[in-house]
mmCIF file of all heavy atoms, coordinates in Angstrom:
data_MODEL
# 
_entry.id   MODEL 
# 
loop_
_atom_site.group_PDB 
_atom_site.id 
_atom_site.type_symbol 
_atom_site.label_atom_id 
_atom_site.label_alt_id 
_atom_site.label_comp_id 
_atom_site.label_asym_id 
_atom_site.label_entity_id 
_atom_site.label_seq_id 
_atom_site.pdbx_PDB_ins_code 
_atom_site.Cartn_x 
_atom_site.Cartn_y 
_atom_site.Cartn_z 
_atom_site.occupancy 
_atom_site.B_iso_or_equiv 
_atom_site.pdbx_formal_charge 
_atom_site.auth_seq_id 
_atom_site.auth_comp_id 
_atom_site.auth_asym_id 
_atom_site.auth_atom_id 
_atom_site.pdbx_PDB_model_num 
ATOM 1   N N   . ALA A 1 1  ? -7.153 -14.457 -4.501  1.00 0.00 ? 1  ALA A N   1 
ATOM 2   C CA  . ALA A 1 1  ? -6.455 -15.674 -4.461  1.00 0.00 ? 1  ALA A CA  1 
ATOM 3   C C   . ALA A 1 1  ? -5.071 -15.636 -3.832  1.00 0.00 ? 1  ALA A C   1 
ATOM 4   O O   . ALA A 1 1  ? -4.398 -16.622 -3.723  1.00 0.00 ? 1  ALA A O   1 
ATOM 5   C CB  . ALA A 1 1  ? -6.280 -16.188 -5.955  1.00 0.00 ? 1  ALA A CB  1 
ATOM 6   N N   . PHE A 1 2  ? -4.747 -14.478 -3.303  1.00 0.00 ? 2  PHE A N   1 
ATOM 7   C CA  . PHE A 1 2  ? -3.403 -14.330 -2.721  1.00 0.00 ? 2  PHE A CA  1 
ATOM 8   C C   . PHE A 1 2  ? -3.330 -14.680 -1.177  1.00 0.00 ? 2  PHE A C   1 
ATOM 9   O O   . PHE A 1 2  ? -4.125 -14.135 -0.451  1.00 0.00 ? 2  PHE A O   1 
ATOM 10  C CB  . PHE A 1 2  ? -2.873 -12.904 -2.914  1.00 0.00 ? 2  PHE A CB  1 
ATOM 11  C CG  . PHE A 1 2  ? -2.740 -12.524 -4.345  1.00 0.00 ? 2  PHE A CG  1 
ATOM 12  C CD1 . PHE A 1 2  ? -3.679 -11.615 -4.924  1.00 0.00 ? 2  PHE A CD1 1 
ATOM 13  C CD2 . PHE A 1 2  ? -1.853 -13.136 -5.132  1.00 0.00 ? 2  PHE A CD2 1 
ATOM 14  C CE1 . PHE A 1 2  ? -3.580 -11.282 -6.218  1.00 0.00 ? 2  PHE A CE1 1 
ATOM 15  C CE2 . PHE A 1 2  ? -1.745 -12.806 -6.535  1.00 0.00 ? 2  PHE A CE2 1 
ATOM 16  C CZ  . PHE A 1 2  ? -2.567 -11.865 -7.053  1.00 0.00 ? 2  PHE A CZ  1 
ATOM 17  N N   . PRO A 1 3  ? -2.383 -15.531 -0.811  1.00 0.00 ? 3  PRO A N   1 
ATOM 18  C CA  . PRO A 1 3  ? -2.336 -15.898 0.569   1.00 0.00 ? 3  PRO A CA  1 
ATOM 19  C C   . PRO A 1 3  ? -1.524 -14.880 1.389   1.00 0.00 ? 3  PRO A C   1 
ATOM 20  O O   . PRO A 1 3  ? -1.372 -15.100 2.610   1.00 0.00 ? 3  PRO A O   1 
ATOM 21  C CB  . PRO A 1 3  ? -1.623 -17.261 0.585   1.00 0.00 ? 3  PRO A CB  1 
ATOM 22  C CG  . PRO A 1 3  ? -0.817 -17.254 -0.692  1.00 0.00 ? 3  PRO A CG  1 
ATOM 23  C CD  . PRO A 1 3  ? -1.599 -16.375 -1.664  1.00 0.00 ? 3  PRO A CD  1 
ATOM 24  N N   . TRP A 1 4  ? -0.912 -13.929 0.740   1.00 0.00 ? 4  TRP A N   1 
ATOM 25  C CA  . TRP A 1 4  ? -0.084 -12.896 1.460   1.00 0.00 ? 4  TRP A CA  1 
ATOM 26  C C   . TRP A 1 4  ? -0.710 -11.511 1.315   1.00 0.00 ? 4  TRP A C   1 
ATOM 27  O O   . TRP A 1 4  ? -1.597 -11.281 0.545   1.00 0.00 ? 4  TRP A O   1 
ATOM 28  C CB  . TRP A 1 4  ? 1.317  -12.962 0.797   1.00 0.00 ? 4  TRP A CB  1 
ATOM 29  C CG  . TRP A 1 4  ? 1.277  -12.611 -0.648  1.00 0.00 ? 4  TRP A CG  1 
ATOM 30  C CD1 . TRP A 1 4  ? 1.170  -11.368 -1.258  1.00 0.00 ? 4  TRP A CD1 1 
ATOM 31  C CD2 . TRP A 1 4  ? 1.278  -13.565 -1.723  1.00 0.00 ? 4  TRP A CD2 1 
ATOM 32  N NE1 . TRP A 1 4  ? 1.122  -11.533 -2.619  1.00 0.00 ? 4  TRP A NE1 1 
ATOM 33  C CE2 . TRP A 1 4  ? 1.180  -12.835 -2.932  1.00 0.00 ? 4  TRP A CE2 1 
ATOM 34  C CE3 . TRP A 1 4  ? 1.396  -15.000 -1.771  1.00 0.00 ? 4  TRP A CE3 1 
ATOM 35  C CZ2 . TRP A 1 4  ? 1.186  -13.428 -4.174  1.00 0.00 ? 4  TRP A CZ2 1 
ATOM 36  C CZ3 . TRP A 1 4  ? 1.355  -15.594 -3.039  1.00 0.00 ? 4  TRP A CZ3 1 
ATOM 37  C CH2 . TRP A 1 4  ? 1.242  -14.845 -4.215  1.00 0.00 ? 4  TRP A CH2 1 
ATOM 38  N N   . ILE A 1 5  ? -0.068 -10.571 2.088   1.00 0.00 ? 5  ILE A N   1 
ATOM 39  C CA  . ILE A 1 5  ? -0.360 -9.202  1.889   1.00 0.00 ? 5  ILE A CA  1 
ATOM 40  C C   . ILE A 1 5  ? 0.888  -8.517  1.350   1.00 0.00 ? 5  ILE A C   1 
ATOM 41  O O   . ILE A 1 5  ? 2.004  -8.946  1.604   1.00 0.00 ? 5  ILE A O   1 
ATOM 42  C CB  . ILE A 1 5  ? -0.877 -8.512  3.171   1.00 0.00 ? 5  ILE A CB  1 
ATOM 43  C CG1 . ILE A 1 5  ? 0.197  -8.567  4.322   1.00 0.00 ? 5  ILE A CG1 1 
ATOM 44  C CG2 . ILE A 1 5  ? -2.199 -9.130  3.656   1.00 0.00 ? 5  ILE A CG2 1 
ATOM 45  C CD1 . ILE A 1 5  ? -0.156 -7.735  5.521   1.00 0.00 ? 5  ILE A CD1 1 
ATOM 46  N N   . PRO A 1 6  ? 0.700  -7.464  0.580   1.00 0.00 ? 6  PRO A N   1 
ATOM 47  C CA  . PRO A 1 6  ? 1.888  -6.719  0.142   1.00 0.00 ? 6  PRO A CA  1 
ATOM 48  C C   . PRO A 1 6  ? 2.518  -5.984  1.295   1.00 0.00 ? 6  PRO A C   1 
ATOM 49  O O   . PRO A 1 6  ? 1.914  -5.539  2.229   1.00 0.00 ? 6  PRO A O   1 
ATOM 50  C CB  . PRO A 1 6  ? 1.347  -5.756  -0.884  1.00 0.00 ? 6  PRO A CB  1 
ATOM 51  C CG  . PRO A 1 6  ? -0.131 -5.670  -0.652  1.00 0.00 ? 6  PRO A CG  1 
ATOM 52  C CD  . PRO A 1 6  ? -0.550 -6.873  0.106   1.00 0.00 ? 6  PRO A CD  1 
ATOM 53  N N   . SER A 1 7  ? 3.889  -5.821  1.179   1.00 0.00 ? 7  SER A N   1 
ATOM 54  C CA  . SER A 1 7  ? 4.586  -5.112  2.237   1.00 0.00 ? 7  SER A CA  1 
ATOM 55  C C   . SER A 1 7  ? 4.579  -3.593  1.804   1.00 0.00 ? 7  SER A C   1 
ATOM 56  O O   . SER A 1 7  ? 5.672  -3.042  1.482   1.00 0.00 ? 7  SER A O   1 
ATOM 57  C CB  . SER A 1 7  ? 5.977  -5.678  2.387   1.00 0.00 ? 7  SER A CB  1 
ATOM 58  O OG  . SER A 1 7  ? 5.975  -6.962  2.871   1.00 0.00 ? 7  SER A OG  1 
ATOM 59  N N   . VAL A 1 8  ? 3.461  -3.006  1.750   1.00 0.00 ? 8  VAL A N   1 
ATOM 60  C CA  . VAL A 1 8  ? 3.214  -1.652  1.282   1.00 0.00 ? 8  VAL A CA  1 
ATOM 61  C C   . VAL A 1 8  ? 2.275  -0.953  2.219   1.00 0.00 ? 8  VAL A C   1 
ATOM 62  O O   . VAL A 1 8  ? 1.264  -1.551  2.595   1.00 0.00 ? 8  VAL A O   1 
ATOM 63  C CB  . VAL A 1 8  ? 2.666  -1.650  -0.160  1.00 0.00 ? 8  VAL A CB  1 
ATOM 64  C CG1 . VAL A 1 8  ? 2.475  -0.173  -0.616  1.00 0.00 ? 8  VAL A CG1 1 
ATOM 65  C CG2 . VAL A 1 8  ? 3.622  -2.317  -1.102  1.00 0.00 ? 8  VAL A CG2 1 
ATOM 66  N N   . VAL A 1 9  ? 2.544  0.222   2.672   1.00 0.00 ? 9  VAL A N   1 
ATOM 67  C CA  . VAL A 1 9  ? 1.785  0.955   3.616   1.00 0.00 ? 9  VAL A CA  1 
ATOM 68  C C   . VAL A 1 9  ? 1.512  2.358   3.096   1.00 0.00 ? 9  VAL A C   1 
ATOM 69  O O   . VAL A 1 9  ? 2.342  2.994   2.477   1.00 0.00 ? 9  VAL A O   1 
ATOM 70  C CB  . VAL A 1 9  ? 2.522  1.028   4.984   1.00 0.00 ? 9  VAL A CB  1 
ATOM 71  C CG1 . VAL A 1 9  ? 1.799  1.928   6.003   1.00 0.00 ? 9  VAL A CG1 1 
ATOM 72  C CG2 . VAL A 1 9  ? 2.767  -0.379  5.581   1.00 0.00 ? 9  VAL A CG2 1 
ATOM 73  N N   . SER A 1 10 ? 0.269  2.842   3.382   1.00 0.00 ? 10 SER A N   1 
ATOM 74  C CA  . SER A 1 10 ? -0.070 4.241   2.935   1.00 0.00 ? 10 SER A CA  1 
ATOM 75  C C   . SER A 1 10 ? 0.769  5.265   3.856   1.00 0.00 ? 10 SER A C   1 
ATOM 76  O O   . SER A 1 10 ? 1.017  4.980   5.028   1.00 0.00 ? 10 SER A O   1 
ATOM 77  C CB  . SER A 1 10 ? -1.546 4.509   3.164   1.00 0.00 ? 10 SER A CB  1 
ATOM 78  O OG  . SER A 1 10 ? -1.937 4.275   4.520   1.00 0.00 ? 10 SER A OG  1 
ATOM 79  N N   . ARG A 1 11 ? 1.085  6.329   3.269   1.00 0.00 ? 11 ARG A N   1 
ATOM 80  C CA  . ARG A 1 11 ? 1.917  7.303   3.965   1.00 0.00 ? 11 ARG A CA  1 
ATOM 81  C C   . ARG A 1 11 ? 1.068  8.364   4.601   1.00 0.00 ? 11 ARG A C   1 
ATOM 82  O O   . ARG A 1 11 ? 1.566  9.190   5.393   1.00 0.00 ? 11 ARG A O   1 
ATOM 83  C CB  . ARG A 1 11 ? 2.918  7.994   2.981   1.00 0.00 ? 11 ARG A CB  1 
ATOM 84  C CG  . ARG A 1 11 ? 3.984  6.928   2.529   1.00 0.00 ? 11 ARG A CG  1 
ATOM 85  C CD  . ARG A 1 11 ? 5.118  7.611   1.871   1.00 0.00 ? 11 ARG A CD  1 
ATOM 86  N NE  . ARG A 1 11 ? 5.862  8.435   2.853   1.00 0.00 ? 11 ARG A NE  1 
ATOM 87  C CZ  . ARG A 1 11 ? 6.554  9.463   2.457   1.00 0.00 ? 11 ARG A CZ  1 
ATOM 88  N NH1 . ARG A 1 11 ? 6.670  9.846   1.198   1.00 0.00 ? 11 ARG A NH1 1 
ATOM 89  N NH2 . ARG A 1 11 ? 7.155  10.246  3.346   1.00 0.00 ? 11 ARG A NH2 1 
ATOM 90  N N   . THR A 1 12 ? -0.230 8.447   4.266   1.00 0.00 ? 12 THR A N   1 
ATOM 91  C CA  . THR A 1 12 ? -1.067 9.449   4.790   1.00 0.00 ? 12 THR A CA  1 
ATOM 92  C C   . THR A 1 12 ? -2.184 8.762   5.592   1.00 0.00 ? 12 THR A C   1 
ATOM 93  O O   . THR A 1 12 ? -2.541 7.618   5.284   1.00 0.00 ? 12 THR A O   1 
ATOM 94  C CB  . THR A 1 12 ? -1.718 10.323  3.716   1.00 0.00 ? 12 THR A CB  1 
ATOM 95  O OG1 . THR A 1 12 ? -2.427 9.460   2.830   1.00 0.00 ? 12 THR A OG1 1 
ATOM 96  C CG2 . THR A 1 12 ? -0.679 11.137  2.978   1.00 0.00 ? 12 THR A CG2 1 
ATOM 97  N N   . PRO A 1 13 ? -2.709 9.382   6.639   1.00 0.00 ? 13 PRO A N   1 
ATOM 98  C CA  . PRO A 1 13 ? -3.751 8.717   7.481   1.00 0.00 ? 13 PRO A CA  1 
ATOM 99  C C   . PRO A 1 13 ? -4.960 8.385   6.609   1.00 0.00 ? 13 PRO A C   1 
ATOM 100 O O   . PRO A 1 13 ? -5.312 9.132   5.730   1.00 0.00 ? 13 PRO A O   1 
ATOM 101 C CB  . PRO A 1 13 ? -4.021 9.783   8.532   1.00 0.00 ? 13 PRO A CB  1 
ATOM 102 C CG  . PRO A 1 13 ? -2.798 10.648  8.589   1.00 0.00 ? 13 PRO A CG  1 
ATOM 103 C CD  . PRO A 1 13 ? -2.265 10.656  7.156   1.00 0.00 ? 13 PRO A CD  1 
ATOM 104 N N   . PRO A 1 14 ? -5.580 7.229   6.869   1.00 0.00 ? 14 PRO A N   1 
ATOM 105 C CA  . PRO A 1 14 ? -5.178 6.256   7.935   1.00 0.00 ? 14 PRO A CA  1 
ATOM 106 C C   . PRO A 1 14 ? -3.984 5.427   7.433   1.00 0.00 ? 14 PRO A C   1 
ATOM 107 O O   . PRO A 1 14 ? -4.049 4.882   6.320   1.00 0.00 ? 14 PRO A O   1 
ATOM 108 C CB  . PRO A 1 14 ? -6.414 5.434   8.169   1.00 0.00 ? 14 PRO A CB  1 
ATOM 109 C CG  . PRO A 1 14 ? -7.136 5.460   6.817   1.00 0.00 ? 14 PRO A CG  1 
ATOM 110 C CD  . PRO A 1 14 ? -6.821 6.868   6.235   1.00 0.00 ? 14 PRO A CD  1 
ATOM 111 N N   . ILE A 1 15 ? -2.958 5.335   8.226   1.00 0.00 ? 15 ILE A N   1 
ATOM 112 C CA  . ILE A 1 15 ? -1.823 4.509   7.902   1.00 0.00 ? 15 ILE A CA  1 
ATOM 113 C C   . ILE A 1 15 ? -2.270 3.038   7.922   1.00 0.00 ? 15 ILE A C   1 
ATOM 114 O O   . ILE A 1 15 ? -2.704 2.579   8.986   1.00 0.00 ? 15 ILE A O   1 
ATOM 115 C CB  . ILE A 1 15 ? -0.593 4.737   8.890   1.00 0.00 ? 15 ILE A CB  1 
ATOM 116 C CG1 . ILE A 1 15 ? -0.304 6.230   8.956   1.00 0.00 ? 15 ILE A CG1 1 
ATOM 117 C CG2 . ILE A 1 15 ? 0.560  3.933   8.509   1.00 0.00 ? 15 ILE A CG2 1 
ATOM 118 C CD1 . ILE A 1 15 ? 0.100  6.873   7.668   1.00 0.00 ? 15 ILE A CD1 1 
ATOM 119 N N   . ASP A 1 16 ? -2.139 2.359   6.816   1.00 0.00 ? 16 ASP A N   1 
ATOM 120 C CA  . ASP A 1 16 ? -2.639 0.980   6.759   1.00 0.00 ? 16 ASP A CA  1 
ATOM 121 C C   . ASP A 1 16 ? -1.960 0.280   5.548   1.00 0.00 ? 16 ASP A C   1 
ATOM 122 O O   . ASP A 1 16 ? -1.325 0.943   4.690   1.00 0.00 ? 16 ASP A O   1 
ATOM 123 C CB  . ASP A 1 16 ? -4.133 0.995   6.506   1.00 0.00 ? 16 ASP A CB  1 
ATOM 124 C CG  . ASP A 1 16 ? -4.830 -0.282  6.962   1.00 0.00 ? 16 ASP A CG  1 
ATOM 125 O OD1 . ASP A 1 16 ? -4.106 -1.187  7.423   1.00 0.00 ? 16 ASP A OD1 1 
ATOM 126 O OD2 . ASP A 1 16 ? -6.064 -0.358  6.929   1.00 0.00 ? 16 ASP A OD2 1 
ATOM 127 N N   . VAL A 1 17 ? -2.025 -1.032  5.520   1.00 0.00 ? 17 VAL A N   1 
ATOM 128 C CA  . VAL A 1 17 ? -1.547 -1.843  4.449   1.00 0.00 ? 17 VAL A CA  1 
ATOM 129 C C   . VAL A 1 17 ? -2.357 -1.491  3.170   1.00 0.00 ? 17 VAL A C   1 
ATOM 130 O O   . VAL A 1 17 ? -3.613 -1.370  3.312   1.00 0.00 ? 17 VAL A O   1 
ATOM 131 C CB  . VAL A 1 17 ? -1.654 -3.351  4.730   1.00 0.00 ? 17 VAL A CB  1 
ATOM 132 C CG1 . VAL A 1 17 ? -1.337 -4.193  3.508   1.00 0.00 ? 17 VAL A CG1 1 
ATOM 133 C CG2 . VAL A 1 17 ? -0.685 -3.723  5.869   1.00 0.00 ? 17 VAL A CG2 1 
ATOM 134 N N   . VAL A 1 18 ? -1.696 -1.250  2.091   1.00 0.00 ? 18 VAL A N   1 
ATOM 135 C CA  . VAL A 1 18 ? -2.363 -0.974  0.801   1.00 0.00 ? 18 VAL A CA  1 
ATOM 136 C C   . VAL A 1 18 ? -2.229 -2.138  -0.121  1.00 0.00 ? 18 VAL A C   1 
ATOM 137 O O   . VAL A 1 18 ? -1.078 -2.517  -0.494  1.00 0.00 ? 18 VAL A O   1 
ATOM 138 C CB  . VAL A 1 18 ? -1.738 0.292   0.134   1.00 0.00 ? 18 VAL A CB  1 
ATOM 139 C CG1 . VAL A 1 18 ? -2.412 0.643   -1.164  1.00 0.00 ? 18 VAL A CG1 1 
ATOM 140 C CG2 . VAL A 1 18 ? -1.750 1.479   1.136   1.00 0.00 ? 18 VAL A CG2 1 
ATOM 141 N N   . GLU A 1 19 ? -3.335 -2.725  -0.506  1.00 0.00 ? 19 GLU A N   1 
ATOM 142 C CA  . GLU A 1 19 ? -3.274 -3.938  -1.344  1.00 0.00 ? 19 GLU A CA  1 
ATOM 143 C C   . GLU A 1 19 ? -3.200 -3.633  -2.865  1.00 0.00 ? 19 GLU A C   1 
ATOM 144 O O   . GLU A 1 19 ? -2.562 -4.341  -3.594  1.00 0.00 ? 19 GLU A O   1 
ATOM 145 C CB  . GLU A 1 19 ? -4.479 -4.846  -1.047  1.00 0.00 ? 19 GLU A CB  1 
ATOM 146 C CG  . GLU A 1 19 ? -4.478 -5.205  0.408   1.00 0.00 ? 19 GLU A CG  1 
ATOM 147 C CD  . GLU A 1 19 ? -4.808 -6.604  0.725   1.00 0.00 ? 19 GLU A CD  1 
ATOM 148 O OE1 . GLU A 1 19 ? -4.514 -7.494  -0.133  1.00 0.00 ? 19 GLU A OE1 1 
ATOM 149 O OE2 . GLU A 1 19 ? -5.322 -6.815  1.772   1.00 0.00 ? 19 GLU A OE2 1 
ATOM 150 N N   . ASN A 1 20 ? -3.905 -2.606  -3.269  1.00 0.00 ? 20 ASN A N   1 
ATOM 151 C CA  . ASN A 1 20 ? -3.916 -2.263  -4.696  1.00 0.00 ? 20 ASN A CA  1 
ATOM 152 C C   . ASN A 1 20 ? -3.190 -0.943  -4.910  1.00 0.00 ? 20 ASN A C   1 
ATOM 153 O O   . ASN A 1 20 ? -3.772 0.109   -5.112  1.00 0.00 ? 20 ASN A O   1 
ATOM 154 C CB  . ASN A 1 20 ? -5.388 -2.157  -5.204  1.00 0.00 ? 20 ASN A CB  1 
ATOM 155 C CG  . ASN A 1 20 ? -6.092 -3.474  -5.087  1.00 0.00 ? 20 ASN A CG  1 
ATOM 156 O OD1 . ASN A 1 20 ? -5.574 -4.512  -5.462  1.00 0.00 ? 20 ASN A OD1 1 
ATOM 157 N ND2 . ASN A 1 20 ? -7.255 -3.467  -4.492  1.00 0.00 ? 20 ASN A ND2 1 
ATOM 158 N N   . PHE A 1 21 ? -1.905 -0.999  -4.857  1.00 0.00 ? 21 PHE A N   1 
ATOM 159 C CA  . PHE A 1 21 ? -1.040 0.197   -4.767  1.00 0.00 ? 21 PHE A CA  1 
ATOM 160 C C   . PHE A 1 21 ? -0.454 0.514   -6.178  1.00 0.00 ? 21 PHE A C   1 
ATOM 161 O O   . PHE A 1 21 ? 0.149  1.566   -6.323  1.00 0.00 ? 21 PHE A O   1 
ATOM 162 C CB  . PHE A 1 21 ? 0.070  0.057   -3.745  1.00 0.00 ? 21 PHE A CB  1 
ATOM 163 C CG  . PHE A 1 21 ? 1.010  -1.098  -4.094  1.00 0.00 ? 21 PHE A CG  1 
ATOM 164 C CD1 . PHE A 1 21 ? 2.123  -0.873  -4.828  1.00 0.00 ? 21 PHE A CD1 1 
ATOM 165 C CD2 . PHE A 1 21 ? 0.762  -2.356  -3.595  1.00 0.00 ? 21 PHE A CD2 1 
ATOM 166 C CE1 . PHE A 1 21 ? 3.008  -1.951  -5.100  1.00 0.00 ? 21 PHE A CE1 1 
ATOM 167 C CE2 . PHE A 1 21 ? 1.638  -3.403  -3.877  1.00 0.00 ? 21 PHE A CE2 1 
ATOM 168 C CZ  . PHE A 1 21 ? 2.724  -3.164  -4.622  1.00 0.00 ? 21 PHE A CZ  1 
ATOM 169 N N   . GLU A 1 22 ? -0.527 -0.405  -7.124  1.00 0.00 ? 22 GLU A N   1 
ATOM 170 C CA  . GLU A 1 22 ? 0.171  -0.245  -8.401  1.00 0.00 ? 22 GLU A CA  1 
ATOM 171 C C   . GLU A 1 22 ? -0.138 1.038   -9.149  1.00 0.00 ? 22 GLU A C   1 
ATOM 172 O O   . GLU A 1 22 ? 0.725  1.650   -9.791  1.00 0.00 ? 22 GLU A O   1 
ATOM 173 C CB  . GLU A 1 22 ? -0.096 -1.456  -9.317  1.00 0.00 ? 22 GLU A CB  1 
ATOM 174 C CG  . GLU A 1 22 ? 0.445  -2.737  -8.882  1.00 0.00 ? 22 GLU A CG  1 
ATOM 175 C CD  . GLU A 1 22 ? -0.445 -3.491  -7.804  1.00 0.00 ? 22 GLU A CD  1 
ATOM 176 O OE1 . GLU A 1 22 ? -1.527 -2.970  -7.567  1.00 0.00 ? 22 GLU A OE1 1 
ATOM 177 O OE2 . GLU A 1 22 ? -0.013 -4.478  -7.341  1.00 0.00 ? 22 GLU A OE2 1 
ATOM 178 N N   . SER A 1 23 ? -1.373 1.546   -8.948  1.00 0.00 ? 23 SER A N   1 
ATOM 179 C CA  . SER A 1 23 ? -1.780 2.745   -9.699  1.00 0.00 ? 23 SER A CA  1 
ATOM 180 C C   . SER A 1 23 ? -1.610 4.022   -8.865  1.00 0.00 ? 23 SER A C   1 
ATOM 181 O O   . SER A 1 23 ? -1.844 5.095   -9.360  1.00 0.00 ? 23 SER A O   1 
ATOM 182 C CB  . SER A 1 23 ? -3.274 2.587   -10.141 1.00 0.00 ? 23 SER A CB  1 
ATOM 183 O OG  . SER A 1 23 ? -4.084 2.581   -8.970  1.00 0.00 ? 23 SER A OG  1 
ATOM 184 N N   . LEU A 1 24 ? -1.117 3.856   -7.656  1.00 0.00 ? 24 LEU A N   1 
ATOM 185 C CA  . LEU A 1 24 ? -0.885 5.047   -6.774  1.00 0.00 ? 24 LEU A CA  1 
ATOM 186 C C   . LEU A 1 24 ? 0.451  5.680   -6.975  1.00 0.00 ? 24 LEU A C   1 
ATOM 187 O O   . LEU A 1 24 ? 1.458  4.977   -7.380  1.00 0.00 ? 24 LEU A O   1 
ATOM 188 C CB  . LEU A 1 24 ? -1.042 4.642   -5.305  1.00 0.00 ? 24 LEU A CB  1 
ATOM 189 C CG  . LEU A 1 24 ? -2.425 4.072   -4.901  1.00 0.00 ? 24 LEU A CG  1 
ATOM 190 C CD1 . LEU A 1 24 ? -2.337 3.584   -3.436  1.00 0.00 ? 24 LEU A CD1 1 
ATOM 191 C CD2 . LEU A 1 24 ? -3.500 5.144   -5.086  1.00 0.00 ? 24 LEU A CD2 1 
ATOM 192 N N   . GLU A 1 25 ? 0.531  6.917   -6.756  1.00 0.00 ? 25 GLU A N   1 
ATOM 193 C CA  . GLU A 1 25 ? 1.855  7.668   -6.876  1.00 0.00 ? 25 GLU A CA  1 
ATOM 194 C C   . GLU A 1 25 ? 2.773  7.157   -5.747  1.00 0.00 ? 25 GLU A C   1 
ATOM 195 O O   . GLU A 1 25 ? 2.373  6.823   -4.635  1.00 0.00 ? 25 GLU A O   1 
ATOM 196 C CB  . GLU A 1 25 ? 1.625  9.184   -6.748  1.00 0.00 ? 25 GLU A CB  1 
ATOM 197 C CG  . GLU A 1 25 ? 0.788  9.739   -7.854  1.00 0.00 ? 25 GLU A CG  1 
ATOM 198 C CD  . GLU A 1 25 ? 1.473  9.693   -9.213  1.00 0.00 ? 25 GLU A CD  1 
ATOM 199 O OE1 . GLU A 1 25 ? 2.700  9.861   -9.291  1.00 0.00 ? 25 GLU A OE1 1 
ATOM 200 O OE2 . GLU A 1 25 ? 0.761  9.374   -10.213 1.00 0.00 ? 25 GLU A OE2 1 
ATOM 201 N N   . SER A 1 26 ? 4.046  7.188   -6.051  1.00 0.00 ? 26 SER A N   1 
ATOM 202 C CA  . SER A 1 26 ? 5.019  6.631   -5.091  1.00 0.00 ? 26 SER A CA  1 
ATOM 203 C C   . SER A 1 26 ? 5.147  7.474   -3.788  1.00 0.00 ? 26 SER A C   1 
ATOM 204 O O   . SER A 1 26 ? 5.532  6.892   -2.789  1.00 0.00 ? 26 SER A O   1 
ATOM 205 C CB  . SER A 1 26 ? 6.396  6.603   -5.735  1.00 0.00 ? 26 SER A CB  1 
ATOM 206 O OG  . SER A 1 26 ? 6.828  7.828   -6.131  1.00 0.00 ? 26 SER A OG  1 
ATOM 207 N N   . ASP A 1 27 ? 4.747  8.736   -3.835  1.00 0.00 ? 27 ASP A N   1 
ATOM 208 C CA  . ASP A 1 27 ? 4.772  9.514   -2.575  1.00 0.00 ? 27 ASP A CA  1 
ATOM 209 C C   . ASP A 1 27 ? 3.574  9.256   -1.699  1.00 0.00 ? 27 ASP A C   1 
ATOM 210 O O   . ASP A 1 27 ? 3.523  9.744   -0.531  1.00 0.00 ? 27 ASP A O   1 
ATOM 211 C CB  . ASP A 1 27 ? 4.894  11.015  -2.904  1.00 0.00 ? 27 ASP A CB  1 
ATOM 212 C CG  . ASP A 1 27 ? 3.758  11.550  -3.681  1.00 0.00 ? 27 ASP A CG  1 
ATOM 213 O OD1 . ASP A 1 27 ? 3.028  10.758  -4.313  1.00 0.00 ? 27 ASP A OD1 1 
ATOM 214 O OD2 . ASP A 1 27 ? 3.557  12.804  -3.626  1.00 0.00 ? 27 ASP A OD2 1 
ATOM 215 N N   . VAL A 1 28 ? 2.616  8.493   -2.138  1.00 0.00 ? 28 VAL A N   1 
ATOM 216 C CA  . VAL A 1 28 ? 1.389  8.160   -1.366  1.00 0.00 ? 28 VAL A CA  1 
ATOM 217 C C   . VAL A 1 28 ? 1.604  6.884   -0.571  1.00 0.00 ? 28 VAL A C   1 
ATOM 218 O O   . VAL A 1 28 ? 0.928  6.692   0.448   1.00 0.00 ? 28 VAL A O   1 
ATOM 219 C CB  . VAL A 1 28 ? 0.208  8.033   -2.305  1.00 0.00 ? 28 VAL A CB  1 
ATOM 220 C CG1 . VAL A 1 28 ? -1.054 7.659   -1.566  1.00 0.00 ? 28 VAL A CG1 1 
ATOM 221 C CG2 . VAL A 1 28 ? -0.040 9.341   -3.076  1.00 0.00 ? 28 VAL A CG2 1 
ATOM 222 N N   . VAL A 1 29 ? 2.472  6.003   -1.022  1.00 0.00 ? 29 VAL A N   1 
ATOM 223 C CA  . VAL A 1 29 ? 2.717  4.747   -0.350  1.00 0.00 ? 29 VAL A CA  1 
ATOM 224 C C   . VAL A 1 29 ? 4.165  4.574   0.032   1.00 0.00 ? 29 VAL A C   1 
ATOM 225 O O   . VAL A 1 29 ? 5.030  5.199   -0.615  1.00 0.00 ? 29 VAL A O   1 
ATOM 226 C CB  . VAL A 1 29 ? 2.286  3.510   -1.171  1.00 0.00 ? 29 VAL A CB  1 
ATOM 227 C CG1 . VAL A 1 29 ? 0.775  3.619   -1.450  1.00 0.00 ? 29 VAL A CG1 1 
ATOM 228 C CG2 . VAL A 1 29 ? 3.034  3.488   -2.544  1.00 0.00 ? 29 VAL A CG2 1 
ATOM 229 N N   . LEU A 1 30 ? 4.402  3.747   0.998   1.00 0.00 ? 30 LEU A N   1 
ATOM 230 C CA  . LEU A 1 30 ? 5.771  3.404   1.341   1.00 0.00 ? 30 LEU A CA  1 
ATOM 231 C C   . LEU A 1 30 ? 5.953  1.909   1.069   1.00 0.00 ? 30 LEU A C   1 
ATOM 232 O O   . LEU A 1 30 ? 5.311  1.026   1.736   1.00 0.00 ? 30 LEU A O   1 
ATOM 233 C CB  . LEU A 1 30 ? 6.016  3.611   2.893   1.00 0.00 ? 30 LEU A CB  1 
ATOM 234 C CG  . LEU A 1 30 ? 7.414  3.259   3.380   1.00 0.00 ? 30 LEU A CG  1 
ATOM 235 C CD1 . LEU A 1 30 ? 8.483  4.156   2.607   1.00 0.00 ? 30 LEU A CD1 1 
ATOM 236 C CD2 . LEU A 1 30 ? 7.559  3.579   4.861   1.00 0.00 ? 30 LEU A CD2 1 
ATOM 237 N N   . GLU A 1 31 ? 6.651  1.609   0.019   1.00 0.00 ? 31 GLU A N   1 
ATOM 238 C CA  . GLU A 1 31 ? 6.885  0.227   -0.432  1.00 0.00 ? 31 GLU A CA  1 
ATOM 239 C C   . GLU A 1 31 ? 8.132  -0.322  0.244   1.00 0.00 ? 31 GLU A C   1 
ATOM 240 O O   . GLU A 1 31 ? 9.058  0.405   0.461   1.00 0.00 ? 31 GLU A O   1 
ATOM 241 C CB  . GLU A 1 31 ? 7.104  0.168   -1.940  1.00 0.00 ? 31 GLU A CB  1 
ATOM 242 C CG  . GLU A 1 31 ? 5.838  0.518   -2.730  1.00 0.00 ? 31 GLU A CG  1 
ATOM 243 C CD  . GLU A 1 31 ? 6.025  0.335   -4.227  1.00 0.00 ? 31 GLU A CD  1 
ATOM 244 O OE1 . GLU A 1 31 ? 6.486  -0.730  -4.636  1.00 0.00 ? 31 GLU A OE1 1 
ATOM 245 O OE2 . GLU A 1 31 ? 5.710  1.260   -4.921  1.00 0.00 ? 31 GLU A OE2 1 
# 
């Protein structure tokens, strides 16, 4: 239902937008 994407990117390849990042460790994503 969300019209936006989170401004969060994975830090390891493949570098991409991460939508369900809440359960990931902070060193895995760049918020």
